[in-house]
Amino acid sequence: MAHSPSGSVAAAAAAAGEEEGAMVEAVAEDGGAESRITALLFDVSQQVQEALQGMLKMTGEIEQCGAEIEAEIERAKEAIADKGRALDDDRERFQKAAVAALNILSGGAAGDI
């Protein structure tokens, strides 16, 4: 089959049309790529926002737990102080009782001095 000049022109026009179609597809793909990138950025932004909200919630919970722990420590300190005072009172009573017992056993002479 021989190629005619008009056939070459037609082939060239067809090839040019294909190139234009490919360029249009490439532009469309670039637009599609941009929309995919935009969608991806939006998704990432949403995930970051959710993560930050989760962290904020956890921070609030940690602060609340910290306040509860501090209150419990304060109650424990007060209880220890109360027990310490009670032990001091008991020690004084036992010392007085021991001195009284020694006085009785020694015939009361230690109390007369």
C-alpha atoms as a PDB file:
ATOM      1  CA  MET A   1       0.000   0.000   0.000  1.00  0.00           C
ATOM      2  CA  ALA A   2       1.316   3.282  -1.102  1.00  0.00           C
ATOM      3  CA  HIS A   3       0.929   6.324   1.045  1.00  0.00           C
ATOM      4  CA  SER A   4      -0.649   9.280  -0.603  1.00  0.00           C
ATOM      5  CA  PRO A   5       0.192  12.803   0.383  1.00  0.00           C
ATOM      6  CA  SER A   6      -3.359  13.341   1.503  1.00  0.00           C
ATOM      7  CA  GLY A   7      -3.130  10.183   3.599  1.00  0.00           C
ATOM      8  CA  SER A   8       0.005  11.540   5.297  1.00  0.00           C
ATOM      9  CA  VAL A   9      -1.763  14.765   6.097  1.00  0.00           C
ATOM     10  CA  ALA A  10      -4.693  12.835   7.481  1.00  0.00           C
ATOM     11  CA  ALA A  11      -2.339  10.672   9.529  1.00  0.00           C
ATOM     12  CA  ALA A  12      -0.521  13.766  10.783  1.00  0.00           C
ATOM     13  CA  ALA A  13      -3.832  15.401  11.717  1.00  0.00           C
ATOM     14  CA  ALA A  14      -4.899  12.257  13.501  1.00  0.00           C
ATOM     15  CA  ALA A  15      -1.590  12.126  15.364  1.00  0.00           C
ATOM     16  CA  ALA A  16      -1.963  15.794  16.330  1.00  0.00           C
ATOM     17  CA  GLY A  17      -5.490  15.079  17.525  1.00  0.00           C
ATOM     18  CA  GLU A  18      -4.201  12.216  19.628  1.00  0.00           C
ATOM     19  CA  GLU A  19      -1.540  14.476  21.133  1.00  0.00           C
ATOM     20  CA  GLU A  20      -4.180  17.083  21.986  1.00  0.00           C
ATOM     21  CA  GLY A  21      -6.313  14.377  23.531  1.00  0.00           C
ATOM     22  CA  ALA A  22      -3.343  13.181  25.549  1.00  0.00           C
ATOM     23  CA  MET A  23      -2.646  16.750  26.685  1.00  0.00           C
ATOM     24  CA  VAL A  24      -6.276  17.206  27.652  1.00  0.00           C
ATOM     25  CA  GLU A  25      -6.121  13.939  29.593  1.00  0.00           C
ATOM     26  CA  ALA A  26      -2.869  15.023  31.247  1.00  0.00           C
ATOM     27  CA  VAL A  27      -4.424  18.330  32.290  1.00  0.00           C
ATOM     28  CA  ALA A  28      -7.504  16.499  33.509  1.00  0.00           C
ATOM     29  CA  GLU A  29      -5.252  14.096  35.391  1.00  0.00           C
ATOM     30  CA  ASP A  30      -3.374  17.050  36.898  1.00  0.00           C
ATOM     31  CA  GLY A  31      -6.700  18.497  37.970  1.00  0.00           C
ATOM     32  CA  GLY A  32      -7.577  15.099  39.340  1.00  0.00           C
ATOM     33  CA  ALA A  33      -4.224  14.967  41.086  1.00  0.00           C
ATOM     34  CA  GLU A  34      -4.880  18.375  42.587  1.00  0.00           C
ATOM     35  CA  SER A  35      -8.280  17.274  43.810  1.00  0.00           C
ATOM     36  CA  ARG A  36      -6.756  14.076  45.226  1.00  0.00           C
ATOM     37  CA  ILE A  37      -4.062  16.120  46.970  1.00  0.00           C
ATOM     38  CA  THR A  38      -6.704  18.505  48.290  1.00  0.00           C
ATOM     39  CA  ALA A  39      -8.778  15.578  49.539  1.00  0.00           C
ATOM     40  CA  LEU A  40      -5.688  14.015  51.106  1.00  0.00           C
ATOM     41  CA  LEU A  41      -4.768  17.284  52.834  1.00  0.00           C
ATOM     42  CA  PHE A  42      -8.326  17.629  54.100  1.00  0.00           C
ATOM     43  CA  ASP A  43      -8.250  14.074  55.472  1.00  0.00           C
ATOM     44  CA  VAL A  44      -4.892  14.655  57.148  1.00  0.00           C
ATOM     45  CA  SER A  45      -6.180  17.939  58.569  1.00  0.00           C
ATOM     46  CA  GLN A  46      -9.233  16.157  59.979  1.00  0.00           C
ATOM     47  CA  GLN A  47      -7.065  13.443  61.520  1.00  0.00           C
ATOM     48  CA  VAL A  48      -4.762  16.035  63.090  1.00  0.00           C
ATOM     49  CA  GLN A  49      -7.748  17.934  64.457  1.00  0.00           C
ATOM     50  CA  GLU A  50      -9.204  14.728  65.931  1.00  0.00           C
ATOM     51  CA  ALA A  51      -5.826  13.844  67.447  1.00  0.00           C
ATOM     52  CA  LEU A  52      -5.520  17.313  68.983  1.00  0.00           C
ATOM     53  CA  GLN A  53      -9.039  17.076  70.404  1.00  0.00           C
ATOM     54  CA  GLY A  54      -8.153  13.671  71.848  1.00  0.00           C
ATOM     55  CA  MET A  55      -4.999  15.097  73.405  1.00  0.00           C
ATOM     56  CA  LEU A  56      -6.962  18.022  74.832  1.00  0.00           C
ATOM     57  CA  LYS A  57      -9.477  15.604  76.345  1.00  0.00           C
ATOM     58  CA  MET A  58      -6.674  13.484  77.805  1.00  0.00           C
ATOM     59  CA  THR A  59      -4.991  16.608  79.183  1.00  0.00           C
ATOM     60  CA  GLY A  60      -8.224  17.537  80.936  1.00  0.00           C
ATOM     61  CA  GLU A  61      -8.560  14.038  82.350  1.00  0.00           C
ATOM     62  CA  ILE A  62      -4.938  14.087  83.539  1.00  0.00           C
ATOM     63  CA  GLU A  63      -5.471  17.452  85.246  1.00  0.00           C
ATOM     64  CA  GLN A  64      -8.616  16.143  86.927  1.00  0.00           C
ATOM     65  CA  CYS A  65      -6.814  12.993  88.098  1.00  0.00           C
ATOM     66  CA  GLY A  66      -3.894  15.109  89.296  1.00  0.00           C
ATOM     67  CA  ALA A  67      -6.252  17.284  91.356  1.00  0.00           C
ATOM     68  CA  GLU A  68      -7.878  14.183  92.835  1.00  0.00           C
ATOM     69  CA  ILE A  69      -4.468  12.730  93.694  1.00  0.00           C
ATOM     70  CA  GLU A  70      -3.373  16.001  95.332  1.00  0.00           C
ATOM     71  CA  ALA A  71      -6.591  16.069  97.388  1.00  0.00           C
ATOM     72  CA  GLU A  72      -6.028  12.452  98.446  1.00  0.00           C
ATOM     73  CA  ILE A  73      -2.427  13.247  99.428  1.00  0.00           C
ATOM     74  CA  GLU A  74      -3.652  16.198 101.498  1.00  0.00           C
ATOM     75  CA  ARG A  75      -6.215  13.972 103.245  1.00  0.00           C
ATOM     76  CA  ALA A  76      -3.497  11.397 103.917  1.00  0.00           C
ATOM     77  CA  LYS A  77      -1.209  14.094 105.383  1.00  0.00           C
ATOM     78  CA  GLU A  78      -4.010  15.267 107.677  1.00  0.00           C
ATOM     79  CA  ALA A  79      -4.734  11.701 108.755  1.00  0.00           C
ATOM     80  CA  ILE A  80      -1.035  11.123 109.497  1.00  0.00           C
ATOM     81  CA  ALA A  81      -0.879  14.353 111.504  1.00  0.00           C
ATOM     82  CA  ASP A  82      -3.971  13.291 113.485  1.00  0.00           C
ATOM     83  CA  LYS A  83      -2.447   9.858 114.177  1.00  0.00           C
ATOM     84  CA  GLY A  84       0.826  11.515 115.186  1.00  0.00           C
ATOM     85  CA  ARG A  85      -0.988  13.749 117.680  1.00  0.00           C
ATOM     86  CA  ALA A  86      -2.901  10.752 119.024  1.00  0.00           C
ATOM     87  CA  LEU A  87       0.360   8.816 119.453  1.00  0.00           C
ATOM     88  CA  ASP A  88       1.953  11.774 121.247  1.00  0.00           C
ATOM     89  CA  ASP A  89      -1.047  11.938 123.588  1.00  0.00           C
ATOM     90  CA  ASP A  90      -0.822   8.161 124.214  1.00  0.00           C
ATOM     91  CA  ARG A  91       2.929   8.439 124.888  1.00  0.00           C
ATOM     92  CA  GLU A  92       2.376  11.222 127.415  1.00  0.00           C
ATOM     93  CA  ARG A  93      -0.334   9.192 129.188  1.00  0.00           C
ATOM     94  CA  PHE A  94       1.894   6.104 129.318  1.00  0.00           C
ATOM     95  CA  GLN A  95       4.805   8.166 130.610  1.00  0.00           C
ATOM     96  CA  LYS A  96       2.619   9.644 133.348  1.00  0.00           C
ATOM     97  CA  ALA A  97       1.311   6.183 134.168  1.00  0.00           C
ATOM     98  CA  ALA A  98       4.862   4.796 134.261  1.00  0.00           C
ATOM     99  CA  VAL A  99       6.037   7.618 136.550  1.00  0.00           C
ATOM    100  CA  ALA A 100       3.029   7.056 138.799  1.00  0.00           C
ATOM    101  CA  ALA A 101       3.759   3.305 138.871  1.00  0.00           C
ATOM    102  CA  LEU A 102       7.418   3.983 139.749  1.00  0.00           C
ATOM    103  CA  ASN A 103       6.332   6.343 142.522  1.00  0.00           C
ATOM    104  CA  ILE A 104       4.007   3.721 143.926  1.00  0.00           C
ATOM    105  CA  LEU A 105       6.687   1.020 143.739  1.00  0.00           C
ATOM    106  CA  SER A 106       9.336   3.236 145.312  1.00  0.00           C
ATOM    107  CA  GLY A 107       7.060   4.139 148.186  1.00  0.00           C
ATOM    108  CA  GLY A 108       6.192   7.632 146.999  1.00  0.00           C
ATOM    109  CA  ALA A 109       9.658   9.012 147.844  1.00  0.00           C
ATOM    110  CA  ALA A 110      10.344  10.150 144.281  1.00  0.00           C
ATOM    111  CA  GLY A 111       7.215  12.279 144.324  1.00  0.00           C
ATOM    112  CA  ASP A 112       8.275  13.970 147.620  1.00  0.00           C
ATOM    113  CA  ILE A 113      11.559  15.315 146.311  1.00  0.00           C
END
